[in-house]
Amino acid sequence: MKFAYEDLSEDQFEKLIVLLCQSLLGLSVKGFAKGPDGGRDAKFVGTAELHPSKAAPWTGTVVVQAKHTNGYNRHFGEADFHSAKSSDTVIGKELPRITKLRQANQLDHYMLFANRRLAGNADQTITQHIAKTCDLPEGSIYLCGLEQLELYMKQFPEVPALADLDPVDSPLIVSPDELAIVVEAIASHEADLSAVLDTPPGERTSYEEKNSLNNMTADYAKALRKRYLKDTAQIRAFLAAPENLEILKSYEATAEEFQMKIIAKRKDFQNFDAVMEYLLDLLFQRDPILRQKQHKRLTRAVLFYMYWNCDIGEVADAEA
């Protein structure tokens, strides 16, 4: 069975890694806890049972980190994860913490698990960078990517069963595929959408009432309206054109999925600003078309159109 790790929440992924490490290292692995510097580590102290091998196990203090992404087909070698030229990366932000633990004699070995693909050259490059920066032997560093995770899940089938990955605990996850079709189609007609119409589109539930119902803040709502209101009539006209029937079907499928997922997970977000920004971050992570510079603004405009058009979010009761 292949797991959709990208659909797990960060907490679910961390739970899975703790259970795996209890099999690899020993039952005394302590779960992920937030440190004073905001980082989250799991820890094992003693002699490992199986890692790196029974014949030559690690001994001492092992610090474990889990780095989860909701993105599809992501890699250790991507610039957001590691770059020798920038410290503003996943690895770059962890190096000072690893160094601090090492200097305090609180780390002898380091393990990092991520739901990303790990190519051999990236493994070597990142391992060498951590070793050099943190004064840690390369043999005391272990990086684990998707391919090895899958092997571990087969080797230790009890781990996913013990993890009890309940869908109720999963985050708000949506598929970007149909939306990418819509955005790409609209982008190919960008000239038709560039003009600002004199008459704004009609509203159903008023914007102000909708914002109140959904707990969207006034500043965020104002910024959305200022930036994207001018696009809504053109998007509506584009979707209504007979030749764009298949694009309209993709839009409707997207809006329906988004609305049902939002209803199910709305309680996880303080306000609707957070829902919108979370969805956008997720969409940009998951789809290479949507995260292209020329498509990012249009993706935001289409998501605003869904909200403005009352396809997502709460609306007033029609009988009220």
Protein backbone atom coordinates (compact mmCIF):
# COMPACT_ATOMS: atom_id res chain seq x y z
CA MET A 1 0.00 0.00 0.00
CA LYS A 2 1.37 3.40 -1.00
CA PHE A 3 0.67 6.24 1.42
CA ALA A 4 -0.38 9.77 0.42
CA TYR A 5 2.02 11.43 2.88
CA GLU A 6 1.22 14.85 1.40
CA ASP A 7 -2.38 14.47 2.64
CA LEU A 8 -1.31 13.98 6.26
CA SER A 9 -1.15 16.77 8.78
CA GLU A 10 2.21 17.70 10.28
CA ASP A 11 1.18 16.05 13.57
CA GLN A 12 0.15 12.84 11.79
CA PHE A 13 3.45 12.68 9.91
CA GLU A 14 5.42 13.26 13.12
CA LYS A 15 3.46 10.48 14.87
CA LEU A 16 4.29 8.12 12.00
CA ILE A 17 8.00 8.97 12.22
CA VAL A 18 8.10 8.48 16.01
CA LEU A 19 6.57 5.02 15.65
CA LEU A 20 9.03 4.18 12.87
CA CYS A 21 11.97 5.36 14.97
CA GLN A 22 10.78 3.23 17.88
CA SER A 23 11.20 0.25 15.56
CA LEU A 24 14.59 1.41 14.24
CA LEU A 25 16.10 2.76 17.46
CA GLY A 26 14.08 1.53 20.43
CA LEU A 27 10.83 2.03 22.31
CA SER A 28 12.32 4.83 24.41
CA VAL A 29 12.13 7.29 21.49
CA LYS A 30 10.41 10.38 22.88
CA GLY A 31 7.89 12.11 20.63
CA PHE A 32 8.20 15.51 19.00
CA ALA A 33 8.21 18.42 21.42
CA LYS A 34 8.67 22.11 20.74
CA GLY A 35 11.93 23.48 22.12
CA PRO A 36 12.63 27.01 23.41
CA ASP A 37 13.77 28.06 19.92
CA GLY A 38 10.53 26.87 18.31
CA GLY A 39 11.96 23.74 16.69
CA ARG A 40 10.39 20.31 17.11
CA ASP A 41 12.58 17.29 17.81
CA ALA A 42 12.17 13.68 18.83
CA LYS A 43 14.97 12.08 20.84
CA PHE A 44 16.49 8.72 21.64
CA VAL A 45 19.24 8.03 24.20
CA GLY A 46 20.98 4.65 24.31
CA THR A 47 22.08 2.00 21.82
CA ALA A 48 19.96 1.70 18.70
CA GLU A 49 18.38 -1.66 17.95
CA LEU A 50 18.61 -1.67 14.16
CA HIS A 51 20.13 1.57 12.88
CA PRO A 52 22.36 1.80 10.94
CA SER A 53 22.68 -1.98 11.52
CA LYS A 54 22.52 -4.56 14.28
CA ALA A 55 26.26 -5.15 13.91
CA ALA A 56 27.22 -1.47 14.27
CA PRO A 57 24.37 0.43 15.96
CA TRP A 58 24.46 4.10 16.88
CA THR A 59 25.15 4.78 20.54
CA GLY A 60 24.45 8.02 22.40
CA THR A 61 21.87 10.74 21.84
CA VAL A 62 19.96 10.68 18.55
CA VAL A 63 17.95 13.74 17.56
CA VAL A 64 15.19 13.14 15.01
CA GLN A 65 13.42 15.71 12.88
CA ALA A 66 10.42 15.30 10.55
CA LYS A 67 9.81 17.80 7.75
CA HIS A 68 6.41 17.50 6.12
CA THR A 69 5.09 19.19 3.01
CA ASN A 70 1.61 19.10 1.44
CA GLY A 71 3.22 19.47 -1.98
CA TYR A 72 3.20 16.77 -4.65
CA ASN A 73 6.44 15.28 -5.97
CA ARG A 74 8.78 17.51 -3.98
CA HIS A 75 12.52 16.86 -3.65
CA PHE A 76 15.29 17.31 -1.09
CA GLY A 77 17.29 19.13 -3.77
CA GLU A 78 14.78 21.96 -4.27
CA ALA A 79 15.91 25.47 -3.35
CA ASP A 80 13.31 25.87 -0.59
CA PHE A 81 14.68 22.80 1.18
CA HIS A 82 18.42 23.26 0.81
CA SER A 83 20.71 25.79 -0.82
CA ALA A 84 24.38 26.41 -0.14
CA LYS A 85 23.78 30.07 -1.02
CA SER A 86 20.92 30.73 1.41
CA SER A 87 20.13 30.08 5.06
CA ASP A 88 16.42 30.75 4.44
CA THR A 89 15.67 27.10 3.69
CA VAL A 90 14.35 24.12 5.67
CA ILE A 91 17.88 22.83 6.22
CA GLY A 92 19.38 26.28 6.65
CA LYS A 93 17.04 27.12 9.50
CA GLU A 94 17.88 23.87 11.30
CA LEU A 95 21.68 24.14 11.13
CA PRO A 96 22.03 26.63 14.05
CA ARG A 97 19.82 24.38 16.21
CA ILE A 98 21.86 21.27 15.35
CA THR A 99 25.10 23.16 16.06
CA LYS A 100 23.79 24.39 19.41
CA LEU A 101 22.77 20.88 20.50
CA ARG A 102 26.10 19.49 19.30
CA GLN A 103 28.09 22.07 21.26
CA ALA A 104 26.06 21.32 24.38
CA ASN A 105 26.81 17.58 24.02
CA GLN A 106 23.09 16.91 23.50
CA LEU A 107 23.42 15.41 20.02
CA ASP A 108 25.64 12.55 18.81
CA HIS A 109 23.62 11.50 15.78
CA TYR A 110 21.06 13.25 13.58
CA MET A 111 18.14 11.84 11.56
CA LEU A 112 15.89 13.80 9.22
CA PHE A 113 12.75 12.35 7.63
CA ALA A 114 10.84 14.17 4.90
CA ASN A 115 8.06 13.23 2.49
CA ARG A 116 10.24 14.32 -0.43
CA ARG A 117 12.22 12.34 -2.96
CA LEU A 118 15.90 11.96 -2.11
CA ALA A 119 18.34 11.54 -4.99
CA GLY A 120 21.83 10.25 -4.31
CA ASN A 121 23.55 13.53 -5.18
CA ALA A 122 21.23 15.53 -2.89
CA ASP A 123 21.81 13.03 -0.08
CA GLN A 124 25.57 13.44 -0.37
CA THR A 125 25.50 17.22 -0.77
CA ILE A 126 23.18 17.87 2.18
CA THR A 127 24.91 15.34 4.42
CA GLN A 128 28.30 16.90 3.73
CA HIS A 129 26.92 20.40 4.34
CA ILE A 130 25.42 19.43 7.70
CA ALA A 131 28.60 17.60 8.71
CA LYS A 132 30.86 20.53 7.88
CA THR A 133 28.61 23.21 9.39
CA CYS A 134 27.71 21.36 12.59
CA ASP A 135 30.98 19.50 13.25
CA LEU A 136 29.24 16.14 13.00
CA PRO A 137 30.68 13.01 11.31
CA GLU A 138 28.95 12.12 8.05
CA GLY A 139 28.35 8.63 9.42
CA SER A 140 26.26 10.15 12.22
CA ILE A 141 23.83 11.83 9.79
CA TYR A 142 20.90 10.02 8.18
CA LEU A 143 18.48 11.51 5.67
CA CYS A 144 15.34 9.57 4.76
CA GLY A 145 13.12 10.39 1.78
CA LEU A 146 9.96 8.97 0.26
CA GLU A 147 11.55 5.96 -1.40
CA GLN A 148 13.08 4.67 1.86
CA LEU A 149 9.92 5.55 3.82
CA GLU A 150 7.92 3.29 1.53
CA LEU A 151 10.38 0.45 2.14
CA TYR A 152 10.13 0.98 5.90
CA MET A 153 6.32 0.87 5.77
CA LYS A 154 6.58 -2.55 4.09
CA GLN A 155 9.30 -3.73 6.47
CA PHE A 156 7.34 -2.56 9.53
CA PRO A 157 3.66 -2.93 8.52
CA GLU A 158 2.59 -2.45 12.13
CA VAL A 159 3.80 1.19 12.04
CA PRO A 160 1.03 2.68 9.85
CA ALA A 161 -1.52 0.54 11.71
CA LEU A 162 -0.33 1.90 15.06
CA ALA A 163 -0.30 5.44 13.67
CA ASP A 164 -4.09 5.22 13.21
CA LEU A 165 -4.15 7.89 10.52
CA ASP A 166 -7.74 9.05 11.01
CA PRO A 167 -9.01 11.21 8.10
CA VAL A 168 -10.85 13.36 10.68
CA ASP A 169 -7.47 14.55 11.93
CA SER A 170 -6.20 15.37 8.44
CA PRO A 171 -5.79 18.98 7.31
CA LEU A 172 -7.82 20.89 4.74
CA ILE A 173 -6.55 19.31 1.53
CA VAL A 174 -7.82 20.07 -1.98
CA SER A 175 -6.72 18.95 -5.41
CA PRO A 176 -5.30 21.65 -7.70
CA ASP A 177 -5.78 19.71 -10.95
CA GLU A 178 -9.14 21.10 -12.13
CA LEU A 179 -8.27 24.63 -10.99
CA ALA A 180 -5.04 24.49 -13.00
CA ILE A 181 -7.12 23.74 -16.11
CA VAL A 182 -9.28 26.80 -15.42
CA VAL A 183 -6.37 29.13 -14.69
CA GLU A 184 -4.38 27.99 -17.71
CA ALA A 185 -7.40 28.44 -19.99
CA ILE A 186 -8.14 31.93 -18.67
CA ALA A 187 -4.46 32.85 -18.89
CA SER A 188 -4.48 32.04 -22.60
CA HIS A 189 -7.20 34.72 -22.98
CA GLU A 190 -5.50 37.22 -20.68
CA ALA A 191 -6.00 40.09 -23.11
CA ASP A 192 -9.76 39.66 -22.74
CA LEU A 193 -9.46 39.99 -18.95
CA SER A 194 -7.16 42.99 -18.78
CA ALA A 195 -9.77 45.72 -19.24
CA VAL A 196 -11.56 47.04 -16.16
CA LEU A 197 -15.32 47.15 -16.73
CA ASP A 198 -17.24 50.24 -15.65
CA THR A 199 -20.07 48.20 -14.13
CA PRO A 200 -19.04 45.77 -11.39
CA PRO A 201 -20.69 42.33 -11.34
CA GLY A 202 -23.90 41.90 -9.40
CA GLU A 203 -23.78 40.39 -5.94
CA ARG A 204 -25.91 37.71 -4.33
CA THR A 205 -25.35 37.82 -0.60
CA SER A 206 -23.83 41.29 -0.17
CA TYR A 207 -20.05 41.34 0.18
CA GLU A 208 -20.27 42.96 3.61
CA GLU A 209 -22.79 40.41 4.90
CA LYS A 210 -20.82 37.51 3.47
CA ASN A 211 -17.64 38.77 5.14
CA SER A 212 -19.47 38.98 8.46
CA LEU A 213 -20.94 35.48 8.08
CA ASN A 214 -17.53 34.01 7.28
CA ASN A 215 -15.52 36.07 9.79
CA MET A 216 -13.30 37.66 7.15
CA THR A 217 -11.51 40.70 8.51
CA ALA A 218 -12.33 44.12 7.06
CA ASP A 219 -8.75 44.84 5.99
CA TYR A 220 -8.37 41.53 4.17
CA ALA A 221 -11.77 41.88 2.48
CA LYS A 222 -10.91 45.42 1.37
CA ALA A 223 -7.58 44.31 -0.08
CA LEU A 224 -9.23 41.45 -1.99
CA ARG A 225 -11.90 43.71 -3.41
CA LYS A 226 -9.41 46.35 -4.45
CA ARG A 227 -7.12 43.91 -6.25
CA TYR A 228 -9.49 41.38 -7.82
CA LEU A 229 -12.99 42.83 -8.16
CA LYS A 230 -12.17 44.14 -11.61
CA ASP A 231 -11.51 40.57 -12.80
CA THR A 232 -14.77 38.98 -11.65
CA ALA A 233 -17.05 40.08 -14.50
CA GLN A 234 -14.54 38.95 -17.11
CA ILE A 235 -14.07 35.58 -15.42
CA ARG A 236 -17.85 35.19 -15.29
CA ALA A 237 -18.16 36.04 -19.00
CA PHE A 238 -15.34 33.64 -19.89
CA LEU A 239 -16.93 30.75 -18.00
CA ALA A 240 -20.37 31.51 -19.47
CA ALA A 241 -19.16 31.39 -23.10
CA PRO A 242 -20.58 28.27 -24.85
CA GLU A 243 -17.17 27.28 -26.20
CA ASN A 244 -15.82 27.12 -22.63
CA LEU A 245 -18.32 24.54 -21.34
CA GLU A 246 -15.58 22.05 -20.37
CA ILE A 247 -13.69 24.81 -18.52
CA LEU A 248 -16.90 25.70 -16.67
CA LYS A 249 -17.28 22.05 -15.63
CA SER A 250 -13.73 22.09 -14.24
CA TYR A 251 -14.51 25.30 -12.36
CA GLU A 252 -17.72 23.85 -10.90
CA ALA A 253 -15.92 20.66 -9.84
CA THR A 254 -13.22 22.75 -8.15
CA ALA A 255 -15.68 25.03 -6.38
CA GLU A 256 -17.74 22.09 -5.13
CA GLU A 257 -14.67 20.29 -3.77
CA PHE A 258 -13.33 23.45 -2.12
CA GLN A 259 -16.68 24.27 -0.52
CA MET A 260 -17.23 20.79 0.93
CA LYS A 261 -13.66 20.59 2.27
CA ILE A 262 -13.92 24.11 3.74
CA ILE A 263 -17.18 23.20 5.51
CA ALA A 264 -15.54 20.10 6.99
CA LYS A 265 -12.40 21.91 8.21
CA ARG A 266 -13.59 25.49 8.82
CA LYS A 267 -13.26 25.15 12.61
CA ASP A 268 -9.49 24.70 12.21
CA PHE A 269 -9.07 28.34 11.12
CA GLN A 270 -9.49 31.50 13.16
CA ASN A 271 -10.96 33.52 10.28
CA PHE A 272 -11.65 33.23 6.56
CA ASP A 273 -8.51 35.20 5.75
CA ALA A 274 -6.58 32.18 7.05
CA VAL A 275 -8.71 29.79 4.95
CA MET A 276 -7.99 31.74 1.77
CA GLU A 277 -4.26 32.07 2.39
CA TYR A 278 -3.95 28.43 3.43
CA LEU A 279 -5.68 27.31 0.23
CA LEU A 280 -3.44 29.49 -1.91
CA ASP A 281 -0.26 28.25 -0.24
CA LEU A 282 -1.44 24.67 -0.66
CA LEU A 283 -2.34 25.17 -4.33
CA PHE A 284 1.01 26.79 -5.12
CA GLN A 285 2.84 23.95 -3.33
CA ARG A 286 0.91 21.26 -5.15
CA ASP A 287 0.78 22.44 -8.74
CA PRO A 288 3.66 23.68 -10.93
CA ILE A 289 1.25 25.51 -13.27
CA LEU A 290 -0.41 27.51 -10.50
CA ARG A 291 2.89 28.51 -8.87
CA GLN A 292 4.31 29.95 -12.09
CA LYS A 293 4.83 33.68 -11.64
CA GLN A 294 2.47 34.56 -14.50
CA HIS A 295 -0.34 32.43 -13.00
CA LYS A 296 -0.12 33.29 -9.29
CA ARG A 297 -2.16 36.50 -9.51
CA LEU A 298 -4.78 34.84 -11.70
CA THR A 299 -5.08 31.95 -9.24
CA ARG A 300 -5.79 34.47 -6.49
CA ALA A 301 -8.34 36.20 -8.75
CA VAL A 302 -10.19 32.94 -9.47
CA LEU A 303 -10.28 32.03 -5.77
CA PHE A 304 -11.65 35.50 -4.99
CA TYR A 305 -14.24 35.00 -7.75
CA MET A 306 -15.38 31.78 -6.03
CA TYR A 307 -15.84 33.71 -2.79
CA TRP A 308 -17.45 36.77 -4.44
CA ASN A 309 -19.76 34.54 -6.48
CA CYS A 310 -20.80 32.72 -3.27
CA ASP A 311 -19.44 29.37 -4.51
CA ILE A 312 -17.31 29.00 -1.37
CA GLY A 313 -17.97 30.24 2.15
CA GLU A 314 -21.22 30.73 4.03
CA VAL A 315 -24.07 32.73 2.53
CA ALA A 316 -27.25 34.19 3.98
CA ASP A 317 -30.28 31.93 4.24
CA ALA A 318 -32.40 32.57 1.12
CA GLU A 319 -35.58 32.38 3.22
CA ALA A 320 -34.37 34.96 5.76
